[in-house]
Amino acid sequence: SGKGEDQEAAKKELTEFLKTMEGELGEKRFFGGDTIGF
């Protein structure tokens, strides 16, 4: 929904969020380990 600088900032923030989640996922198949979890 954003435009210009706000949209660019949001894209950066979203990417950082997803990279944080990648870090939490680590080498596991799912965040719950081998099975889907919460």
PDB file of all heavy atoms in Angstrom:
ATOM      1  N   SER A   1       0.807  -1.221   0.000  1.00  0.00           N
ATOM      2  CA  SER A   1       0.000   0.000   0.000  1.00  0.00           C
ATOM      3  C   SER A   1       0.843   1.275   0.000  1.00  0.00           C
ATOM      4  O   SER A   1       0.341   2.343  -0.284  1.00  0.00           O
ATOM      5  CB  SER A   1      -0.937   0.015   1.203  1.00  0.00           C
ATOM      6  OG  SER A   1      -0.213   0.101   2.411  1.00  0.00           O
ATOM      7  N   GLY A   2       2.129   1.138   0.314  1.00  0.00           N
ATOM      8  CA  GLY A   2       2.983   2.314   0.416  1.00  0.00           C
ATOM      9  C   GLY A   2       3.503   2.790  -0.922  1.00  0.00           C
ATOM     10  O   GLY A   2       3.322   2.157  -1.963  1.00  0.00           O
ATOM     11  N   LYS A   3       4.175   3.931  -0.852  1.00  0.00           N
ATOM     12  CA  LYS A   3       4.796   4.517  -2.040  1.00  0.00           C
ATOM     13  C   LYS A   3       6.142   5.094  -1.642  1.00  0.00           C
ATOM     14  O   LYS A   3       6.375   5.425  -0.474  1.00  0.00           O
ATOM     15  CB  LYS A   3       3.923   5.644  -2.599  1.00  0.00           C
ATOM     16  CG  LYS A   3       2.607   5.192  -3.168  1.00  0.00           C
ATOM     17  CD  LYS A   3       1.811   6.374  -3.684  1.00  0.00           C
ATOM     18  CE  LYS A   3       0.460   5.913  -4.205  1.00  0.00           C
ATOM     19  NZ  LYS A   3      -0.395   7.015  -4.587  1.00  0.00           N
ATOM     20  N   GLY A   4       6.991   5.219  -2.626  1.00  0.00           N
ATOM     21  CA  GLY A   4       8.243   5.928  -2.438  1.00  0.00           C
ATOM     22  C   GLY A   4       9.102   5.394  -1.310  1.00  0.00           C
ATOM     23  O   GLY A   4       9.324   4.193  -1.177  1.00  0.00           O
ATOM     24  N   GLU A   5       9.566   6.326  -0.468  1.00  0.00           N
ATOM     25  CA  GLU A   5      10.489   5.980   0.613  1.00  0.00           C
ATOM     26  C   GLU A   5       9.864   5.036   1.638  1.00  0.00           C
ATOM     27  O   GLU A   5      10.548   4.163   2.162  1.00  0.00           O
ATOM     28  CB  GLU A   5      10.984   7.250   1.301  1.00  0.00           C
ATOM     29  CG  GLU A   5      11.938   8.064   0.455  1.00  0.00           C
ATOM     30  CD  GLU A   5      12.424   9.319   1.163  1.00  0.00           C
ATOM     31  OE1 GLU A   5      12.293   9.408   2.409  1.00  0.00           O
ATOM     32  OE2 GLU A   5      12.948  10.210   0.473  1.00  0.00           O
ATOM     33  N   ASP A   6       8.573   5.236   1.924  1.00  0.00           N
ATOM     34  CA  ASP A   6       7.915   4.351   2.897  1.00  0.00           C
ATOM     35  C   ASP A   6       7.877   2.917   2.375  1.00  0.00           C
ATOM     36  O   ASP A   6       8.132   1.977   3.119  1.00  0.00           O
ATOM     37  CB  ASP A   6       6.506   4.840   3.227  1.00  0.00           C
ATOM     38  CG  ASP A   6       5.843   3.949   4.275  1.00  0.00           C
ATOM     39  OD1 ASP A   6       6.450   3.761   5.364  1.00  0.00           O
ATOM     40  OD2 ASP A   6       4.740   3.423   4.013  1.00  0.00           O
ATOM     41  N   GLN A   7       7.580   2.755   1.097  1.00  0.00           N
ATOM     42  CA  GLN A   7       7.551   1.416   0.519  1.00  0.00           C
ATOM     43  C   GLN A   7       8.945   0.791   0.526  1.00  0.00           C
ATOM     44  O   GLN A   7       9.099  -0.389   0.850  1.00  0.00           O
ATOM     45  CB  GLN A   7       6.990   1.451  -0.901  1.00  0.00           C
ATOM     46  CG  GLN A   7       6.813   0.062  -1.494  1.00  0.00           C
ATOM     47  CD  GLN A   7       6.307   0.091  -2.901  1.00  0.00           C
ATOM     48  OE1 GLN A   7       6.890   0.764  -3.757  1.00  0.00           O
ATOM     49  NE2 GLN A   7       5.221  -0.621  -3.145  1.00  0.00           N
ATOM     50  N   GLU A   8       9.950   1.569   0.190  1.00  0.00           N
ATOM     51  CA  GLU A   8      11.322   1.059   0.204  1.00  0.00           C
ATOM     52  C   GLU A   8      11.732   0.636   1.619  1.00  0.00           C
ATOM     53  O   GLU A   8      12.357  -0.405   1.808  1.00  0.00           O
ATOM     54  CB  GLU A   8      12.303   2.095  -0.361  1.00  0.00           C
ATOM     55  CG  GLU A   8      12.192   2.290  -1.864  1.00  0.00           C
ATOM     56  CD  GLU A   8      12.391   1.006  -2.659  1.00  0.00           C
ATOM     57  OE1 GLU A   8      13.363   0.263  -2.383  1.00  0.00           O
ATOM     58  OE2 GLU A   8      11.580   0.735  -3.567  1.00  0.00           O
ATOM     59  N   ALA A   9      11.372   1.454   2.599  1.00  0.00           N
ATOM     60  CA  ALA A   9      11.680   1.119   3.992  1.00  0.00           C
ATOM     61  C   ALA A   9      10.945  -0.152   4.405  1.00  0.00           C
ATOM     62  O   ALA A   9      11.503  -1.004   5.108  1.00  0.00           O
ATOM     63  CB  ALA A   9      11.310   2.277   4.911  1.00  0.00           C
ATOM     64  N   ALA A  10       9.697  -0.289   3.962  1.00  0.00           N
ATOM     65  CA  ALA A  10       8.902  -1.477   4.292  1.00  0.00           C
ATOM     66  C   ALA A  10       9.501  -2.723   3.650  1.00  0.00           C
ATOM     67  O   ALA A  10       9.537  -3.792   4.278  1.00  0.00           O
ATOM     68  CB  ALA A  10       7.453  -1.286   3.861  1.00  0.00           C
ATOM     69  N   LYS A  11       9.969  -2.622   2.415  1.00  0.00           N
ATOM     70  CA  LYS A  11      10.613  -3.767   1.754  1.00  0.00           C
ATOM     71  C   LYS A  11      11.853  -4.196   2.530  1.00  0.00           C
ATOM     72  O   LYS A  11      12.071  -5.390   2.747  1.00  0.00           O
ATOM     73  CB  LYS A  11      10.994  -3.420   0.310  1.00  0.00           C
ATOM     74  CG  LYS A  11       9.826  -3.375  -0.627  1.00  0.00           C
ATOM     75  CD  LYS A  11      10.102  -2.962  -2.047  1.00  0.00           C
ATOM     76  CE  LYS A  11      11.458  -2.767  -2.537  1.00  0.00           C
ATOM     77  NZ  LYS A  11      11.548  -2.275  -3.928  1.00  0.00           N
ATOM     78  N   LYS A  12      12.631  -3.226   2.970  1.00  0.00           N
ATOM     79  CA  LYS A  12      13.826  -3.537   3.750  1.00  0.00           C
ATOM     80  C   LYS A  12      13.442  -4.191   5.078  1.00  0.00           C
ATOM     81  O   LYS A  12      14.028  -5.193   5.492  1.00  0.00           O
ATOM     82  CB  LYS A  12      14.632  -2.263   4.003  1.00  0.00           C
ATOM     83  CG  LYS A  12      15.928  -2.502   4.732  1.00  0.00           C
ATOM     84  CD  LYS A  12      16.715  -1.221   4.924  1.00  0.00           C
ATOM     85  CE  LYS A  12      17.979  -1.553   5.693  1.00  0.00           C
ATOM     86  NZ  LYS A  12      18.696  -0.396   6.140  1.00  0.00           N
ATOM     87  N   GLU A  13      12.427  -3.648   5.733  1.00  0.00           N
ATOM     88  CA  GLU A  13      11.960  -4.192   7.013  1.00  0.00           C
ATOM     89  C   GLU A  13      11.405  -5.609   6.839  1.00  0.00           C
ATOM     90  O   GLU A  13      11.662  -6.497   7.657  1.00  0.00           O
ATOM     91  CB  GLU A  13      10.892  -3.264   7.590  1.00  0.00           C
ATOM     92  CG  GLU A  13      10.595  -3.474   9.035  1.00  0.00           C
ATOM     93  CD  GLU A  13       9.625  -2.433   9.580  1.00  0.00           C
ATOM     94  OE1 GLU A  13       9.714  -1.250   9.197  1.00  0.00           O
ATOM     95  OE2 GLU A  13       8.771  -2.822  10.395  1.00  0.00           O
ATOM     96  N   LEU A  14      10.654  -5.818   5.759  1.00  0.00           N
ATOM     97  CA  LEU A  14      10.107  -7.147   5.485  1.00  0.00           C
ATOM     98  C   LEU A  14      11.237  -8.144   5.240  1.00  0.00           C
ATOM     99  O   LEU A  14      11.218  -9.256   5.780  1.00  0.00           O
ATOM    100  CB  LEU A  14       9.164  -7.101   4.282  1.00  0.00           C
ATOM    101  CG  LEU A  14       8.560  -8.436   3.857  1.00  0.00           C
ATOM    102  CD1 LEU A  14       7.644  -8.987   4.939  1.00  0.00           C
ATOM    103  CD2 LEU A  14       7.800  -8.288   2.535  1.00  0.00           C
ATOM    104  N   THR A  15      12.214  -7.750   4.464  1.00  0.00           N
ATOM    105  CA  THR A  15      13.348  -8.631   4.190  1.00  0.00           C
ATOM    106  C   THR A  15      14.094  -8.960   5.484  1.00  0.00           C
ATOM    107  O   THR A  15      14.463 -10.119   5.715  1.00  0.00           O
ATOM    108  CB  THR A  15      14.288  -7.984   3.155  1.00  0.00           C
ATOM    109  OG1 THR A  15      13.549  -7.747   1.956  1.00  0.00           O
ATOM    110  CG2 THR A  15      15.475  -8.879   2.843  1.00  0.00           C
ATOM    111  N   GLU A  16      14.284  -7.974   6.341  1.00  0.00           N
ATOM    112  CA  GLU A  16      14.946  -8.217   7.627  1.00  0.00           C
ATOM    113  C   GLU A  16      14.127  -9.172   8.490  1.00  0.00           C
ATOM    114  O   GLU A  16      14.680 -10.063   9.141  1.00  0.00           O
ATOM    115  CB  GLU A  16      15.185  -6.892   8.354  1.00  0.00           C
ATOM    116  CG  GLU A  16      16.274  -6.052   7.727  1.00  0.00           C
ATOM    117  CD  GLU A  16      16.382  -4.651   8.318  1.00  0.00           C
ATOM    118  OE1 GLU A  16      15.669  -4.343   9.307  1.00  0.00           O
ATOM    119  OE2 GLU A  16      17.176  -3.857   7.779  1.00  0.00           O
ATOM    120  N   PHE A  17      12.804  -8.990   8.486  1.00  0.00           N
ATOM    121  CA  PHE A  17      11.922  -9.898   9.221  1.00  0.00           C
ATOM    122  C   PHE A  17      12.096 -11.333   8.718  1.00  0.00           C
ATOM    123  O   PHE A  17      12.262 -12.269   9.508  1.00  0.00           O
ATOM    124  CB  PHE A  17      10.456  -9.442   9.081  1.00  0.00           C
ATOM    125  CG  PHE A  17       9.464 -10.496   9.437  1.00  0.00           C
ATOM    126  CD1 PHE A  17       9.197 -10.805  10.767  1.00  0.00           C
ATOM    127  CD2 PHE A  17       8.789 -11.208   8.448  1.00  0.00           C
ATOM    128  CE1 PHE A  17       8.290 -11.800  11.098  1.00  0.00           C
ATOM    129  CE2 PHE A  17       7.882 -12.196   8.775  1.00  0.00           C
ATOM    130  CZ  PHE A  17       7.622 -12.490  10.102  1.00  0.00           C
ATOM    131  N   LEU A  18      12.051 -11.504   7.397  1.00  0.00           N
ATOM    132  CA  LEU A  18      12.165 -12.845   6.820  1.00  0.00           C
ATOM    133  C   LEU A  18      13.541 -13.456   7.094  1.00  0.00           C
ATOM    134  O   LEU A  18      13.647 -14.650   7.366  1.00  0.00           O
ATOM    135  CB  LEU A  18      11.869 -12.806   5.319  1.00  0.00           C
ATOM    136  CG  LEU A  18      10.427 -12.434   4.957  1.00  0.00           C
ATOM    137  CD1 LEU A  18      10.286 -12.255   3.452  1.00  0.00           C
ATOM    138  CD2 LEU A  18       9.438 -13.451   5.484  1.00  0.00           C
ATOM    139  N   LYS A  19      14.585 -12.649   7.058  1.00  0.00           N
ATOM    140  CA  LYS A  19      15.927 -13.160   7.368  1.00  0.00           C
ATOM    141  C   LYS A  19      16.023 -13.554   8.848  1.00  0.00           C
ATOM    142  O   LYS A  19      16.683 -14.539   9.185  1.00  0.00           O
ATOM    143  CB  LYS A  19      16.988 -12.136   7.002  1.00  0.00           C
ATOM    144  CG  LYS A  19      17.188 -12.019   5.495  1.00  0.00           C
ATOM    145  CD  LYS A  19      18.256 -11.006   5.138  1.00  0.00           C
ATOM    146  CE  LYS A  19      18.333 -10.838   3.645  1.00  0.00           C
ATOM    147  NZ  LYS A  19      19.293 -11.686   2.999  1.00  0.00           N
ATOM    148  N   THR A  20      15.356 -12.801   9.708  1.00  0.00           N
ATOM    149  CA  THR A  20      15.307 -13.174  11.123  1.00  0.00           C
ATOM    150  C   THR A  20      14.627 -14.531  11.275  1.00  0.00           C
ATOM    151  O   THR A  20      15.092 -15.404  12.021  1.00  0.00           O
ATOM    152  CB  THR A  20      14.566 -12.104  11.947  1.00  0.00           C
ATOM    153  OG1 THR A  20      15.287 -10.879  11.847  1.00  0.00           O
ATOM    154  CG2 THR A  20      14.419 -12.504  13.402  1.00  0.00           C
ATOM    155  N   MET A  21      13.522 -14.720  10.539  1.00  0.00           N
ATOM    156  CA  MET A  21      12.807 -15.999  10.607  1.00  0.00           C
ATOM    157  C   MET A  21      13.651 -17.125  10.015  1.00  0.00           C
ATOM    158  O   MET A  21      13.637 -18.238  10.527  1.00  0.00           O
ATOM    159  CB  MET A  21      11.443 -15.895   9.907  1.00  0.00           C
ATOM    160  CG  MET A  21      10.476 -14.920  10.577  1.00  0.00           C
ATOM    161  SD  MET A  21      10.265 -15.136  12.368  1.00  0.00           S
ATOM    162  CE  MET A  21       9.547 -16.778  12.458  1.00  0.00           C
ATOM    163  N   GLU A  22      14.417 -16.830   8.945  1.00  0.00           N
ATOM    164  CA  GLU A  22      15.335 -17.835   8.405  1.00  0.00           C
ATOM    165  C   GLU A  22      16.357 -18.250   9.466  1.00  0.00           C
ATOM    166  O   GLU A  22      16.676 -19.434   9.603  1.00  0.00           O
ATOM    167  CB  GLU A  22      16.096 -17.280   7.194  1.00  0.00           C
ATOM    168  CG  GLU A  22      15.357 -17.313   5.905  1.00  0.00           C
ATOM    169  CD  GLU A  22      16.210 -16.852   4.729  1.00  0.00           C
ATOM    170  OE1 GLU A  22      17.136 -16.038   4.906  1.00  0.00           O
ATOM    171  OE2 GLU A  22      15.950 -17.327   3.615  1.00  0.00           O
ATOM    172  N   GLY A  23      16.856 -17.268  10.206  1.00  0.00           N
ATOM    173  CA  GLY A  23      17.812 -17.565  11.270  1.00  0.00           C
ATOM    174  C   GLY A  23      17.215 -18.445  12.340  1.00  0.00           C
ATOM    175  O   GLY A  23      17.861 -19.375  12.842  1.00  0.00           O
ATOM    176  N   GLU A  24      15.982 -18.178  12.703  1.00  0.00           N
ATOM    177  CA  GLU A  24      15.303 -19.004  13.716  1.00  0.00           C
ATOM    178  C   GLU A  24      15.029 -20.411  13.173  1.00  0.00           C
ATOM    179  O   GLU A  24      15.140 -21.388  13.900  1.00  0.00           O
ATOM    180  CB  GLU A  24      13.994 -18.338  14.154  1.00  0.00           C
ATOM    181  CG  GLU A  24      13.169 -19.142  15.116  1.00  0.00           C
ATOM    182  CD  GLU A  24      13.891 -19.518  16.410  1.00  0.00           C
ATOM    183  OE1 GLU A  24      14.874 -18.858  16.795  1.00  0.00           O
ATOM    184  OE2 GLU A  24      13.464 -20.499  17.048  1.00  0.00           O
ATOM    185  N   LEU A  25      14.690 -20.508  11.900  1.00  0.00           N
ATOM    186  CA  LEU A  25      14.459 -21.815  11.284  1.00  0.00           C
ATOM    187  C   LEU A  25      15.749 -22.645  11.282  1.00  0.00           C
ATOM    188  O   LEU A  25      15.713 -23.843  11.565  1.00  0.00           O
ATOM    189  CB  LEU A  25      13.938 -21.637   9.855  1.00  0.00           C
ATOM    190  CG  LEU A  25      13.656 -22.892   9.055  1.00  0.00           C
ATOM    191  CD1 LEU A  25      12.551 -23.719   9.711  1.00  0.00           C
ATOM    192  CD2 LEU A  25      13.273 -22.526   7.627  1.00  0.00           C
ATOM    193  N   GLY A  26      16.868 -21.988  11.003  1.00  0.00           N
ATOM    194  CA  GLY A  26      18.149 -22.692  10.978  1.00  0.00           C
ATOM    195  C   GLY A  26      18.143 -23.813   9.948  1.00  0.00           C
ATOM    196  O   GLY A  26      17.699 -23.627   8.818  1.00  0.00           O
ATOM    197  N   GLU A  27      18.581 -24.973  10.362  1.00  0.00           N
ATOM    198  CA  GLU A  27      18.643 -26.130   9.464  1.00  0.00           C
ATOM    199  C   GLU A  27      17.449 -27.070   9.633  1.00  0.00           C
ATOM    200  O   GLU A  27      17.421 -28.146   9.040  1.00  0.00           O
ATOM    201  CB  GLU A  27      19.953 -26.898   9.706  1.00  0.00           C
ATOM    202  CG  GLU A  27      21.210 -26.074   9.422  1.00  0.00           C
ATOM    203  CD  GLU A  27      21.247 -25.509   8.008  1.00  0.00           C
ATOM    204  OE1 GLU A  27      20.913 -26.243   7.057  1.00  0.00           O
ATOM    205  OE2 GLU A  27      21.604 -24.313   7.857  1.00  0.00           O
ATOM    206  N   LYS A  28      16.477 -26.657  10.433  1.00  0.00           N
ATOM    207  CA  LYS A  28      15.298 -27.499  10.651  1.00  0.00           C
ATOM    208  C   LYS A  28      14.410 -27.482   9.408  1.00  0.00           C
ATOM    209  O   LYS A  28      14.391 -26.511   8.659  1.00  0.00           O
ATOM    210  CB  LYS A  28      14.491 -27.001  11.863  1.00  0.00           C
ATOM    211  CG  LYS A  28      15.272 -27.013  13.169  1.00  0.00           C
ATOM    212  CD  LYS A  28      14.441 -26.439  14.296  1.00  0.00           C
ATOM    213  CE  LYS A  28      14.353 -24.937  14.092  1.00  0.00           C
ATOM    214  NZ  LYS A  28      13.878 -24.173  15.214  1.00  0.00           N
ATOM    215  N   ARG A  29      13.634 -28.540   9.227  1.00  0.00           N
ATOM    216  CA  ARG A  29      12.666 -28.584   8.116  1.00  0.00           C
ATOM    217  C   ARG A  29      11.520 -27.607   8.358  1.00  0.00           C
ATOM    218  O   ARG A  29      11.046 -26.969   7.439  1.00  0.00           O
ATOM    219  CB  ARG A  29      12.105 -29.999   7.949  1.00  0.00           C
ATOM    220  CG  ARG A  29      13.106 -30.975   7.370  1.00  0.00           C
ATOM    221  CD  ARG A  29      12.512 -32.345   7.063  1.00  0.00           C
ATOM    222  NE  ARG A  29      11.202 -32.394   6.479  1.00  0.00           N
ATOM    223  CZ  ARG A  29      10.901 -32.147   5.189  1.00  0.00           C
ATOM    224  NH1 ARG A  29      11.856 -31.811   4.358  1.00  0.00           N
ATOM    225  NH2 ARG A  29       9.669 -32.243   4.754  1.00  0.00           N
ATOM    226  N   PHE A  30      11.063 -27.563   9.607  1.00  0.00           N
ATOM    227  CA  PHE A  30       9.964 -26.689  10.002  1.00  0.00           C
ATOM    228  C   PHE A  30      10.354 -26.003  11.302  1.00  0.00           C
ATOM    229  O   PHE A  30      11.254 -26.454  11.999  1.00  0.00           O
ATOM    230  CB  PHE A  30       8.675 -27.504  10.208  1.00  0.00           C
ATOM    231  CG  PHE A  30       8.234 -28.245   8.981  1.00  0.00           C
ATOM    232  CD1 PHE A  30       8.460 -29.610   8.862  1.00  0.00           C
ATOM    233  CD2 PHE A  30       7.609 -27.592   7.937  1.00  0.00           C
ATOM    234  CE1 PHE A  30       8.071 -30.301   7.734  1.00  0.00           C
ATOM    235  CE2 PHE A  30       7.208 -28.270   6.794  1.00  0.00           C
ATOM    236  CZ  PHE A  30       7.438 -29.631   6.687  1.00  0.00           C
ATOM    237  N   PHE A  31       9.655 -24.947  11.642  1.00  0.00           N
ATOM    238  CA  PHE A  31       9.956 -24.270  12.901  1.00  0.00           C
ATOM    239  C   PHE A  31       9.701 -25.204  14.073  1.00  0.00           C
ATOM    240  O   PHE A  31      10.334 -25.078  15.110  1.00  0.00           O
ATOM    241  CB  PHE A  31       9.138 -22.977  13.042  1.00  0.00           C
ATOM    242  CG  PHE A  31       9.629 -21.899  12.117  1.00  0.00           C
ATOM    243  CD1 PHE A  31       9.075 -21.732  10.860  1.00  0.00           C
ATOM    244  CD2 PHE A  31      10.662 -21.066  12.500  1.00  0.00           C
ATOM    245  CE1 PHE A  31       9.527 -20.754  10.007  1.00  0.00           C
ATOM    246  CE2 PHE A  31      11.130 -20.075  11.652  1.00  0.00           C
ATOM    247  CZ  PHE A  31      10.563 -19.918  10.393  1.00  0.00           C
ATOM    248  N   GLY A  32       8.794 -26.167  13.890  1.00  0.00           N
ATOM    249  CA  GLY A  32       8.524 -27.159  14.919  1.00  0.00           C
ATOM    250  C   GLY A  32       9.501 -28.328  14.898  1.00  0.00           C
ATOM    251  O   GLY A  32       9.309 -29.305  15.604  1.00  0.00           O
ATOM    252  N   GLY A  33      10.530 -28.278  14.077  1.00  0.00           N
ATOM    253  CA  GLY A  33      11.498 -29.372  13.957  1.00  0.00           C
ATOM    254  C   GLY A  33      11.235 -30.186  12.704  1.00  0.00           C
ATOM    255  O   GLY A  33      11.192 -29.652  11.601  1.00  0.00           O
ATOM    256  N   ASP A  34      11.010 -31.479  12.897  1.00  0.00           N
ATOM    257  CA  ASP A  34      10.720 -32.354  11.755  1.00  0.00           C
ATOM    258  C   ASP A  34       9.258 -32.316  11.356  1.00  0.00           C
ATOM    259  O   ASP A  34       8.891 -32.814  10.294  1.00  0.00           O
ATOM    260  CB  ASP A  34      11.121 -33.803  12.075  1.00  0.00           C
ATOM    261  CG  ASP A  34      12.629 -33.973  12.129  1.00  0.00           C
ATOM    262  OD1 ASP A  34      13.339 -33.215  11.438  1.00  0.00           O
ATOM    263  OD2 ASP A  34      13.101 -34.851  12.872  1.00  0.00           O
ATOM    264  N   THR A  35       8.428 -31.759  12.220  1.00  0.00           N
ATOM    265  CA  THR A  35       6.995 -31.688  11.926  1.00  0.00           C
ATOM    266  C   THR A  35       6.512 -30.245  12.027  1.00  0.00           C
ATOM    267  O   THR A  35       7.128 -29.414  12.694  1.00  0.00           O
ATOM    268  CB  THR A  35       6.176 -32.556  12.905  1.00  0.00           C
ATOM    269  OG1 THR A  35       6.411 -32.085  14.234  1.00  0.00           O
ATOM    270  CG2 THR A  35       6.561 -34.023  12.803  1.00  0.00           C
ATOM    271  N   ILE A  36       5.423 -29.975  11.381  1.00  0.00           N
ATOM    272  CA  ILE A  36       4.820 -28.645  11.428  1.00  0.00           C
ATOM    273  C   ILE A  36       4.362 -28.362  12.850  1.00  0.00           C
ATOM    274  O   ILE A  36       3.773 -29.217  13.507  1.00  0.00           O
ATOM    275  CB  ILE A  36       3.654 -28.561  10.430  1.00  0.00           C
ATOM    276  CG1 ILE A  36       4.224 -28.557   9.012  1.00  0.00           C
ATOM    277  CG2 ILE A  36       2.801 -27.323  10.678  1.00  0.00           C
ATOM    278  CD1 ILE A  36       3.201 -28.621   7.922  1.00  0.00           C
ATOM    279  N   GLY A  37       4.666 -27.175  13.314  1.00  0.00           N
ATOM    280  CA  GLY A  37       4.304 -26.783  14.669  1.00  0.00           C
ATOM    281  C   GLY A  37       3.596 -25.445  14.706  1.00  0.00           C
ATOM    282  O   GLY A  37       3.163 -24.899  13.683  1.00  0.00           O
ATOM    283  N   PHE A  38       3.510 -24.899  15.884  1.00  0.00           N
ATOM    284  CA  PHE A  38       2.771 -23.678  16.170  1.00  0.00           C
ATOM    285  C   PHE A  38       3.242 -22.494  15.319  1.00  0.00           C
ATOM    286  O   PHE A  38       2.436 -21.773  14.730  1.00  0.00           O
ATOM    287  CB  PHE A  38       2.916 -23.365  17.665  1.00  0.00           C
ATOM    288  CG  PHE A  38       2.042 -22.264  18.167  1.00  0.00           C
ATOM    289  CD1 PHE A  38       0.670 -22.407  18.198  1.00  0.00           C
ATOM    290  CD2 PHE A  38       2.604 -21.091  18.644  1.00  0.00           C
ATOM    291  CE1 PHE A  38      -0.144 -21.398  18.690  1.00  0.00           C
ATOM    292  CE2 PHE A  38       1.806 -20.070  19.144  1.00  0.00           C
ATOM    293  CZ  PHE A  38       0.421 -20.229  19.160  1.00  0.00           C
TER     294      PHE A  38
END
